[in-house]
PDB file of all heavy atoms in Angstrom:
ATOM      1  N   ALA A   1     103.016 104.102  93.325  1.00  0.00           N
ATOM      2  CA  ALA A   1     104.003 102.984  93.231  1.00  0.00           C
ATOM      3  C   ALA A   1     103.296 101.721  92.696  1.00  0.00           C
ATOM      4  O   ALA A   1     103.959 101.034  91.957  1.00  0.00           O
ATOM      5  CB  ALA A   1     104.580 102.654  94.673  1.00  0.00           C
ATOM      6  N   LEU A   2     102.021 101.592  92.981  1.00  0.00           N
ATOM      7  CA  LEU A   2     101.317 100.415  92.486  1.00  0.00           C
ATOM      8  C   LEU A   2     100.504 100.596  91.261  1.00  0.00           C
ATOM      9  O   LEU A   2      99.926  99.675  90.620  1.00  0.00           O
ATOM     10  CB  LEU A   2     100.319  99.898  93.713  1.00  0.00           C
ATOM     11  CG  LEU A   2     101.016  99.466  94.949  1.00  0.00           C
ATOM     12  CD1 LEU A   2     100.006  99.105  95.901  1.00  0.00           C
ATOM     13  CD2 LEU A   2     101.999  98.324  94.713  1.00  0.00           C
ATOM     14  N   GLY A   3     100.467 101.863  90.778  1.00  0.00           N
ATOM     15  CA  GLY A   3      99.811 102.218  89.545  1.00  0.00           C
ATOM     16  C   GLY A   3      98.261 102.095  89.789  1.00  0.00           C
ATOM     17  O   GLY A   3      97.554 101.786  88.842  1.00  0.00           O
ATOM     18  N   LEU A   4      97.836 102.507  90.949  1.00  0.00           N
ATOM     19  CA  LEU A   4      96.405 102.428  91.329  1.00  0.00           C
ATOM     20  C   LEU A   4      95.757 103.804  91.421  1.00  0.00           C
ATOM     21  O   LEU A   4      96.526 104.764  91.427  1.00  0.00           O
ATOM     22  CB  LEU A   4      96.189 101.735  92.698  1.00  0.00           C
ATOM     23  CG  LEU A   4      96.770 100.241  92.799  1.00  0.00           C
ATOM     24  CD1 LEU A   4      96.607  99.836  94.272  1.00  0.00           C
ATOM     25  CD2 LEU A   4      96.243  99.357  91.836  1.00  0.00           C
ATOM     26  N   ALA A   5      94.497 103.844  91.463  1.00  0.00           N
ATOM     27  CA  ALA A   5      93.858 105.175  91.632  1.00  0.00           C
ATOM     28  C   ALA A   5      93.853 105.578  93.023  1.00  0.00           C
ATOM     29  O   ALA A   5      94.380 104.757  93.923  1.00  0.00           O
ATOM     30  CB  ALA A   5      92.315 105.074  91.200  1.00  0.00           C
ATOM     31  N   TYR A   6      93.519 106.814  93.387  1.00  0.00           N
ATOM     32  CA  TYR A   6      93.651 107.319  94.722  1.00  0.00           C
ATOM     33  C   TYR A   6      92.391 108.086  95.135  1.00  0.00           C
ATOM     34  O   TYR A   6      91.880 108.976  94.408  1.00  0.00           O
ATOM     35  CB  TYR A   6      94.848 108.199  94.840  1.00  0.00           C
ATOM     36  CG  TYR A   6      94.954 109.144  95.987  1.00  0.00           C
ATOM     37  CD1 TYR A   6      95.033 108.675  97.353  1.00  0.00           C
ATOM     38  CD2 TYR A   6      94.724 110.483  95.852  1.00  0.00           C
ATOM     39  CE1 TYR A   6      95.088 109.561  98.413  1.00  0.00           C
ATOM     40  CE2 TYR A   6      94.772 111.326  96.924  1.00  0.00           C
ATOM     41  CZ  TYR A   6      94.962 110.891  98.220  1.00  0.00           C
ATOM     42  OH  TYR A   6      94.929 111.687  99.339  1.00  0.00           O
ATOM     43  N   LEU A   7      91.763 107.764  96.253  1.00  0.00           N
ATOM     44  CA  LEU A   7      90.646 108.497  96.805  1.00  0.00           C
ATOM     45  C   LEU A   7      90.891 109.042  98.072  1.00  0.00           C
ATOM     46  O   LEU A   7      91.068 108.332  99.035  1.00  0.00           O
ATOM     47  CB  LEU A   7      89.416 107.497  96.793  1.00  0.00           C
ATOM     48  CG  LEU A   7      88.077 108.107  97.287  1.00  0.00           C
ATOM     49  CD1 LEU A   7      87.693 109.340  96.275  1.00  0.00           C
ATOM     50  CD2 LEU A   7      87.091 107.118  97.423  1.00  0.00           C
ATOM     51  N   ASP A   8      90.759 110.404  98.235  1.00  0.00           N
ATOM     52  CA  ASP A   8      90.978 111.178  99.511  1.00  0.00           C
ATOM     53  C   ASP A   8      89.656 111.355  99.968  1.00  0.00           C
ATOM     54  O   ASP A   8      88.886 112.302  99.677  1.00  0.00           O
ATOM     55  CB  ASP A   8      91.747 112.411  99.161  1.00  0.00           C
ATOM     56  CG  ASP A   8      91.890 113.263 100.529  1.00  0.00           C
ATOM     57  OD1 ASP A   8      91.299 112.921 101.601  1.00  0.00           O
ATOM     58  OD2 ASP A   8      92.603 114.316 100.347  1.00  0.00           O
ATOM     59  N   THR A   9      89.135 110.605 100.879  1.00  0.00           N
ATOM     60  CA  THR A   9      87.718 110.724 101.365  1.00  0.00           C
ATOM     61  C   THR A   9      87.600 111.901 102.317  1.00  0.00           C
ATOM     62  O   THR A   9      86.535 112.500 102.335  1.00  0.00           O
ATOM     63  CB  THR A   9      87.211 109.467 102.133  1.00  0.00           C
ATOM     64  OG1 THR A   9      88.029 109.236 103.353  1.00  0.00           O
ATOM     65  CG2 THR A   9      87.311 108.234 101.269  1.00  0.00           C
ATOM     66  N   GLY A  10      88.733 112.270 102.953  1.00  0.00           N
ATOM     67  CA  GLY A  10      88.647 113.461 103.852  1.00  0.00           C
ATOM     68  C   GLY A  10      88.319 114.657 103.045  1.00  0.00           C
ATOM     69  O   GLY A  10      87.632 115.607 103.435  1.00  0.00           O
ATOM     70  N   ALA A  11      88.812 114.720 101.768  1.00  0.00           N
ATOM     71  CA  ALA A  11      88.609 115.771 100.900  1.00  0.00           C
ATOM     72  C   ALA A  11      87.067 116.000 100.439  1.00  0.00           C
ATOM     73  O   ALA A  11      86.611 117.067 100.327  1.00  0.00           O
ATOM     74  CB  ALA A  11      89.410 115.711  99.568  1.00  0.00           C
ATOM     75  N   MET A  12      86.481 114.890 100.503  1.00  0.00           N
ATOM     76  CA  MET A  12      85.024 114.841 100.223  1.00  0.00           C
ATOM     77  C   MET A  12      84.263 115.584 101.362  1.00  0.00           C
ATOM     78  O   MET A  12      83.357 116.281 101.090  1.00  0.00           O
ATOM     79  CB  MET A  12      84.590 113.354 100.014  1.00  0.00           C
ATOM     80  CG  MET A  12      85.187 112.713  98.760  1.00  0.00           C
ATOM     81  SD  MET A  12      84.685 110.955  98.711  1.00  0.00           S
ATOM     82  CE  MET A  12      82.946 111.079  98.129  1.00  0.00           C
ATOM     83  N   TYR A  13      84.656 115.366 102.598  1.00  0.00           N
ATOM     84  CA  TYR A  13      83.985 115.988 103.683  1.00  0.00           C
ATOM     85  C   TYR A  13      84.374 117.511 103.646  1.00  0.00           C
ATOM     86  O   TYR A  13      83.509 118.324 104.027  1.00  0.00           O
ATOM     87  CB  TYR A  13      84.437 115.406 105.083  1.00  0.00           C
ATOM     88  CG  TYR A  13      83.791 114.086 105.291  1.00  0.00           C
ATOM     89  CD1 TYR A  13      84.460 112.821 105.045  1.00  0.00           C
ATOM     90  CD2 TYR A  13      82.480 113.952 105.776  1.00  0.00           C
ATOM     91  CE1 TYR A  13      83.956 111.543 105.195  1.00  0.00           C
ATOM     92  CE2 TYR A  13      81.849 112.770 105.964  1.00  0.00           C
ATOM     93  CZ  TYR A  13      82.558 111.478 105.682  1.00  0.00           C
ATOM     94  OH  TYR A  13      81.980 110.392 105.894  1.00  0.00           O
ATOM     95  N   ARG A  14      85.556 117.846 103.326  1.00  0.00           N
ATOM     96  CA  ARG A  14      85.874 119.227 103.172  1.00  0.00           C
ATOM     97  C   ARG A  14      85.213 119.945 102.162  1.00  0.00           C
ATOM     98  O   ARG A  14      84.778 121.054 102.226  1.00  0.00           O
ATOM     99  CB  ARG A  14      87.470 119.334 102.907  1.00  0.00           C
ATOM    100  CG  ARG A  14      88.325 119.006 104.130  1.00  0.00           C
ATOM    101  CD  ARG A  14      89.749 119.050 103.879  1.00  0.00           C
ATOM    102  NE  ARG A  14      90.588 118.861 105.142  1.00  0.00           N
ATOM    103  CZ  ARG A  14      91.031 119.824 105.827  1.00  0.00           C
ATOM    104  NH1 ARG A  14      90.712 121.120 105.439  1.00  0.00           N
ATOM    105  NH2 ARG A  14      91.779 119.709 106.911  1.00  0.00           N
ATOM    106  N   ALA A  15      85.075 119.216 100.966  1.00  0.00           N
ATOM    107  CA  ALA A  15      84.218 119.784  99.863  1.00  0.00           C
ATOM    108  C   ALA A  15      82.800 119.941 100.271  1.00  0.00           C
ATOM    109  O   ALA A  15      82.095 120.959  99.853  1.00  0.00           O
ATOM    110  CB  ALA A  15      84.368 118.821  98.689  1.00  0.00           C
ATOM    111  N   ALA A  16      82.173 118.990 101.013  1.00  0.00           N
ATOM    112  CA  ALA A  16      80.843 119.128 101.532  1.00  0.00           C
ATOM    113  C   ALA A  16      80.668 120.360 102.475  1.00  0.00           C
ATOM    114  O   ALA A  16      79.706 121.122 102.348  1.00  0.00           O
ATOM    115  CB  ALA A  16      80.394 117.900 102.310  1.00  0.00           C
ATOM    116  N   THR A  17      81.768 120.545 103.327  1.00  0.00           N
ATOM    117  CA  THR A  17      81.733 121.735 104.163  1.00  0.00           C
ATOM    118  C   THR A  17      81.751 123.066 103.320  1.00  0.00           C
ATOM    119  O   THR A  17      81.049 124.070 103.607  1.00  0.00           O
ATOM    120  CB  THR A  17      82.927 121.682 105.062  1.00  0.00           C
ATOM    121  OG1 THR A  17      82.864 120.318 105.841  1.00  0.00           O
ATOM    122  CG2 THR A  17      82.865 122.849 106.107  1.00  0.00           C
ATOM    123  N   TRP A  18      82.709 123.063 102.420  1.00  0.00           N
ATOM    124  CA  TRP A  18      82.881 124.241 101.454  1.00  0.00           C
ATOM    125  C   TRP A  18      81.575 124.591 100.821  1.00  0.00           C
ATOM    126  O   TRP A  18      81.049 125.783 100.783  1.00  0.00           O
ATOM    127  CB  TRP A  18      84.037 123.957 100.386  1.00  0.00           C
ATOM    128  CG  TRP A  18      84.163 125.166  99.535  1.00  0.00           C
ATOM    129  CD1 TRP A  18      84.989 126.162  99.609  1.00  0.00           C
ATOM    130  CD2 TRP A  18      83.488 125.322  98.257  1.00  0.00           C
ATOM    131  NE1 TRP A  18      84.824 127.078  98.516  1.00  0.00           N
ATOM    132  CE2 TRP A  18      84.010 126.504  97.693  1.00  0.00           C
ATOM    133  CE3 TRP A  18      82.437 124.582  97.609  1.00  0.00           C
ATOM    134  CZ2 TRP A  18      83.516 127.068  96.487  1.00  0.00           C
ATOM    135  CZ3 TRP A  18      82.071 125.162  96.298  1.00  0.00           C
ATOM    136  CH2 TRP A  18      82.546 126.234  95.822  1.00  0.00           C
ATOM    137  N   TRP A  19      80.856 123.574 100.270  1.00  0.00           N
ATOM    138  CA  TRP A  19      79.537 123.720  99.609  1.00  0.00           C
ATOM    139  C   TRP A  19      78.472 124.331 100.502  1.00  0.00           C
ATOM    140  O   TRP A  19      77.762 125.264 100.153  1.00  0.00           O
ATOM    141  CB  TRP A  19      79.085 122.480  99.035  1.00  0.00           C
ATOM    142  CG  TRP A  19      77.839 122.448  98.265  1.00  0.00           C
ATOM    143  CD1 TRP A  19      76.646 121.813  98.738  1.00  0.00           C
ATOM    144  CD2 TRP A  19      77.601 123.078  97.041  1.00  0.00           C
ATOM    145  NE1 TRP A  19      75.596 122.084  97.788  1.00  0.00           N
ATOM    146  CE2 TRP A  19      76.119 122.882  96.725  1.00  0.00           C
ATOM    147  CE3 TRP A  19      78.274 123.873  96.126  1.00  0.00           C
ATOM    148  CZ2 TRP A  19      75.543 123.327  95.588  1.00  0.00           C
ATOM    149  CZ3 TRP A  19      77.675 124.309  95.063  1.00  0.00           C
ATOM    150  CH2 TRP A  19      76.299 124.001  94.682  1.00  0.00           C
ATOM    151  N   CYS A  20      78.435 123.806 101.718  1.00  0.00           N
ATOM    152  CA  CYS A  20      77.347 124.296 102.646  1.00  0.00           C
ATOM    153  C   CYS A  20      77.588 125.660 103.004  1.00  0.00           C
ATOM    154  O   CYS A  20      76.743 126.517 103.043  1.00  0.00           O
ATOM    155  CB  CYS A  20      77.344 123.342 103.909  1.00  0.00           C
ATOM    156  SG  CYS A  20      76.574 121.722 103.643  1.00  0.00           S
ATOM    157  N   LEU A  21      78.877 126.003 103.239  1.00  0.00           N
ATOM    158  CA  LEU A  21      79.188 127.420 103.616  1.00  0.00           C
ATOM    159  C   LEU A  21      78.921 128.350 102.400  1.00  0.00           C
ATOM    160  O   LEU A  21      78.507 129.422 102.518  1.00  0.00           O
ATOM    161  CB  LEU A  21      80.629 127.527 104.037  1.00  0.00           C
ATOM    162  CG  LEU A  21      80.997 126.848 105.470  1.00  0.00           C
ATOM    163  CD1 LEU A  21      82.504 126.962 105.699  1.00  0.00           C
ATOM    164  CD2 LEU A  21      80.173 127.437 106.517  1.00  0.00           C
ATOM    165  N   HIS A  22      79.272 127.829 101.185  1.00  0.00           N
ATOM    166  CA  HIS A  22      79.057 128.562  99.946  1.00  0.00           C
ATOM    167  C   HIS A  22      77.579 128.826  99.781  1.00  0.00           C
ATOM    168  O   HIS A  22      77.204 129.784  99.104  1.00  0.00           O
ATOM    169  CB  HIS A  22      79.657 127.649  98.837  1.00  0.00           C
ATOM    170  CG  HIS A  22      79.650 128.483  97.450  1.00  0.00           C
ATOM    171  ND1 HIS A  22      80.585 129.546  97.294  1.00  0.00           N
ATOM    172  CD2 HIS A  22      79.058 128.273  96.327  1.00  0.00           C
ATOM    173  CE1 HIS A  22      80.397 130.008  96.085  1.00  0.00           C
ATOM    174  NE2 HIS A  22      79.544 129.298  95.447  1.00  0.00           N
ATOM    175  N   GLN A  23      76.801 127.901 100.178  1.00  0.00           N
ATOM    176  CA  GLN A  23      75.319 128.051 100.140  1.00  0.00           C
ATOM    177  C   GLN A  23      74.711 128.728 101.214  1.00  0.00           C
ATOM    178  O   GLN A  23      73.491 128.800 101.290  1.00  0.00           O
ATOM    179  CB  GLN A  23      74.720 126.637  99.974  1.00  0.00           C
ATOM    180  CG  GLN A  23      75.127 125.833  98.739  1.00  0.00           C
ATOM    181  CD  GLN A  23      74.765 126.468  97.473  1.00  0.00           C
ATOM    182  OE1 GLN A  23      75.656 126.948  96.696  1.00  0.00           O
ATOM    183  NE2 GLN A  23      73.489 126.445  97.149  1.00  0.00           N
ATOM    184  N   ASP A  24      75.499 129.281 102.145  1.00  0.00           N
ATOM    185  CA  ASP A  24      75.049 129.987 103.332  1.00  0.00           C
ATOM    186  C   ASP A  24      74.179 129.101 104.278  1.00  0.00           C
ATOM    187  O   ASP A  24      73.189 129.533 104.858  1.00  0.00           O
ATOM    188  CB  ASP A  24      74.329 131.233 102.912  1.00  0.00           C
ATOM    189  CG  ASP A  24      75.308 132.246 102.373  1.00  0.00           C
ATOM    190  OD1 ASP A  24      76.380 132.351 102.860  1.00  0.00           O
ATOM    191  OD2 ASP A  24      74.770 133.063 101.325  1.00  0.00           O
ATOM    192  N   VAL A  25      74.470 127.817 104.353  1.00  0.00           N
ATOM    193  CA  VAL A  25      73.689 126.946 105.144  1.00  0.00           C
ATOM    194  C   VAL A  25      74.489 126.729 106.584  1.00  0.00           C
ATOM    195  O   VAL A  25      75.593 126.475 106.606  1.00  0.00           O
ATOM    196  CB  VAL A  25      73.695 125.504 104.574  1.00  0.00           C
ATOM    197  CG1 VAL A  25      72.984 124.532 105.487  1.00  0.00           C
ATOM    198  CG2 VAL A  25      72.877 125.518 103.230  1.00  0.00           C
ATOM    199  N   PRO A  26      73.694 127.094 107.654  1.00  0.00           N
ATOM    200  CA  PRO A  26      74.334 126.971 108.973  1.00  0.00           C
ATOM    201  C   PRO A  26      74.693 125.455 109.248  1.00  0.00           C
ATOM    202  O   PRO A  26      73.787 124.539 109.056  1.00  0.00           O
ATOM    203  CB  PRO A  26      73.176 127.436 109.920  1.00  0.00           C
ATOM    204  CG  PRO A  26      72.287 128.142 109.063  1.00  0.00           C
ATOM    205  CD  PRO A  26      72.358 127.563 107.697  1.00  0.00           C
ATOM    206  N   LEU A  27      75.948 125.199 109.594  1.00  0.00           N
ATOM    207  CA  LEU A  27      76.357 123.858 109.799  1.00  0.00           C
ATOM    208  C   LEU A  27      75.657 123.255 111.022  1.00  0.00           C
ATOM    209  O   LEU A  27      75.618 121.968 111.146  1.00  0.00           O
ATOM    210  CB  LEU A  27      77.946 123.815 109.893  1.00  0.00           C
ATOM    211  CG  LEU A  27      78.650 124.376 108.707  1.00  0.00           C
ATOM    212  CD1 LEU A  27      80.134 124.135 108.902  1.00  0.00           C
ATOM    213  CD2 LEU A  27      78.218 123.760 107.513  1.00  0.00           C
ATOM    214  N   THR A  28      75.052 124.046 111.771  1.00  0.00           N
ATOM    215  CA  THR A  28      74.329 123.465 112.941  1.00  0.00           C
ATOM    216  C   THR A  28      72.919 122.964 112.573  1.00  0.00           C
ATOM    217  O   THR A  28      72.284 122.258 113.340  1.00  0.00           O
ATOM    218  CB  THR A  28      74.111 124.602 114.038  1.00  0.00           C
ATOM    219  OG1 THR A  28      73.508 125.685 113.356  1.00  0.00           O
ATOM    220  CG2 THR A  28      75.341 124.927 114.657  1.00  0.00           C
ATOM    221  N   ASP A  29      72.494 123.219 111.303  1.00  0.00           N
ATOM    222  CA  ASP A  29      71.256 122.799 110.785  1.00  0.00           C
ATOM    223  C   ASP A  29      71.478 121.333 110.161  1.00  0.00           C
ATOM    224  O   ASP A  29      71.666 121.296 108.932  1.00  0.00           O
ATOM    225  CB  ASP A  29      70.691 123.779 109.815  1.00  0.00           C
ATOM    226  CG  ASP A  29      69.161 123.381 109.309  1.00  0.00           C
ATOM    227  OD1 ASP A  29      68.790 122.187 109.499  1.00  0.00           O
ATOM    228  OD2 ASP A  29      68.525 124.264 108.847  1.00  0.00           O
ATOM    229  N   VAL A  30      71.409 120.357 110.955  1.00  0.00           N
ATOM    230  CA  VAL A  30      71.889 119.017 110.490  1.00  0.00           C
ATOM    231  C   VAL A  30      71.073 118.495 109.361  1.00  0.00           C
ATOM    232  O   VAL A  30      71.572 117.875 108.488  1.00  0.00           O
ATOM    233  CB  VAL A  30      71.981 118.002 111.609  1.00  0.00           C
ATOM    234  CG1 VAL A  30      72.958 118.476 112.729  1.00  0.00           C
ATOM    235  CG2 VAL A  30      70.477 117.927 112.256  1.00  0.00           C
ATOM    236  N   ASP A  31      69.726 118.821 109.309  1.00  0.00           N
ATOM    237  CA  ASP A  31      68.866 118.252 108.250  1.00  0.00           C
ATOM    238  C   ASP A  31      69.211 119.033 106.950  1.00  0.00           C
ATOM    239  O   ASP A  31      69.272 118.339 105.856  1.00  0.00           O
ATOM    240  CB  ASP A  31      67.410 118.488 108.666  1.00  0.00           C
ATOM    241  CG  ASP A  31      66.995 117.618 109.824  1.00  0.00           C
ATOM    242  OD1 ASP A  31      67.624 116.472 110.039  1.00  0.00           O
ATOM    243  OD2 ASP A  31      66.024 117.937 110.508  1.00  0.00           O
ATOM    244  N   GLU A  32      69.363 120.342 106.978  1.00  0.00           N
ATOM    245  CA  GLU A  32      69.674 121.053 105.808  1.00  0.00           C
ATOM    246  C   GLU A  32      71.095 120.720 105.186  1.00  0.00           C
ATOM    247  O   GLU A  32      71.303 120.627 104.021  1.00  0.00           O
ATOM    248  CB  GLU A  32      69.533 122.513 106.017  1.00  0.00           C
ATOM    249  CG  GLU A  32      69.709 123.437 104.773  1.00  0.00           C
ATOM    250  CD  GLU A  32      68.731 123.061 103.603  1.00  0.00           C
ATOM    251  OE1 GLU A  32      67.646 122.517 103.959  1.00  0.00           O
ATOM    252  OE2 GLU A  32      69.157 123.260 102.372  1.00  0.00           O
ATOM    253  N   VAL A  33      72.061 120.492 106.130  1.00  0.00           N
ATOM    254  CA  VAL A  33      73.338 120.124 105.697  1.00  0.00           C
ATOM    255  C   VAL A  33      73.330 118.750 105.099  1.00  0.00           C
ATOM    256  O   VAL A  33      73.831 118.569 103.956  1.00  0.00           O
ATOM    257  CB  VAL A  33      74.294 119.996 106.942  1.00  0.00           C
ATOM    258  CG1 VAL A  33      75.552 119.340 106.547  1.00  0.00           C
ATOM    259  CG2 VAL A  33      74.658 121.416 107.437  1.00  0.00           C
ATOM    260  N   ALA A  34      72.447 117.898 105.566  1.00  0.00           N
ATOM    261  CA  ALA A  34      72.375 116.589 104.937  1.00  0.00           C
ATOM    262  C   ALA A  34      71.675 116.598 103.561  1.00  0.00           C
ATOM    263  O   ALA A  34      72.057 115.959 102.656  1.00  0.00           O
ATOM    264  CB  ALA A  34      71.589 115.619 105.865  1.00  0.00           C
ATOM    265  N   ALA A  35      70.700 117.595 103.458  1.00  0.00           N
ATOM    266  CA  ALA A  35      70.071 117.620 102.223  1.00  0.00           C
ATOM    267  C   ALA A  35      70.939 118.321 101.147  1.00  0.00           C
ATOM    268  O   ALA A  35      71.056 117.800  99.970  1.00  0.00           O
ATOM    269  CB  ALA A  35      68.821 118.641 102.397  1.00  0.00           C
ATOM    270  N   GLN A  36      71.836 119.194 101.510  1.00  0.00           N
ATOM    271  CA  GLN A  36      72.697 119.826 100.693  1.00  0.00           C
ATOM    272  C   GLN A  36      73.842 118.749 100.186  1.00  0.00           C
ATOM    273  O   GLN A  36      74.131 118.721  99.047  1.00  0.00           O
ATOM    274  CB  GLN A  36      73.526 120.981 101.253  1.00  0.00           C
ATOM    275  CG  GLN A  36      72.654 122.162 101.528  1.00  0.00           C
ATOM    276  CD  GLN A  36      72.237 122.943 100.234  1.00  0.00           C
ATOM    277  OE1 GLN A  36      72.959 122.741  99.175  1.00  0.00           O
ATOM    278  NE2 GLN A  36      71.180 123.635 100.239  1.00  0.00           N
ATOM    279  N   VAL A  37      74.259 117.967 101.112  1.00  0.00           N
ATOM    280  CA  VAL A  37      75.200 116.873 100.824  1.00  0.00           C
ATOM    281  C   VAL A  37      74.666 115.819  99.897  1.00  0.00           C
ATOM    282  O   VAL A  37      75.320 115.313  98.952  1.00  0.00           O
ATOM    283  CB  VAL A  37      75.835 116.296 101.997  1.00  0.00           C
ATOM    284  CG1 VAL A  37      76.872 115.183 101.597  1.00  0.00           C
ATOM    285  CG2 VAL A  37      76.708 117.422 102.783  1.00  0.00           C
TER     286      VAL A  37
END
């Protein structure tokens, strides 16, 4: 309606999750997840 861009930040967290799973990184490994992101 306003002719502005749109940013879905939730999708960024979902994409990070997809990437970690795609890389076979255990999501419980907080340091490796952080490094992947």
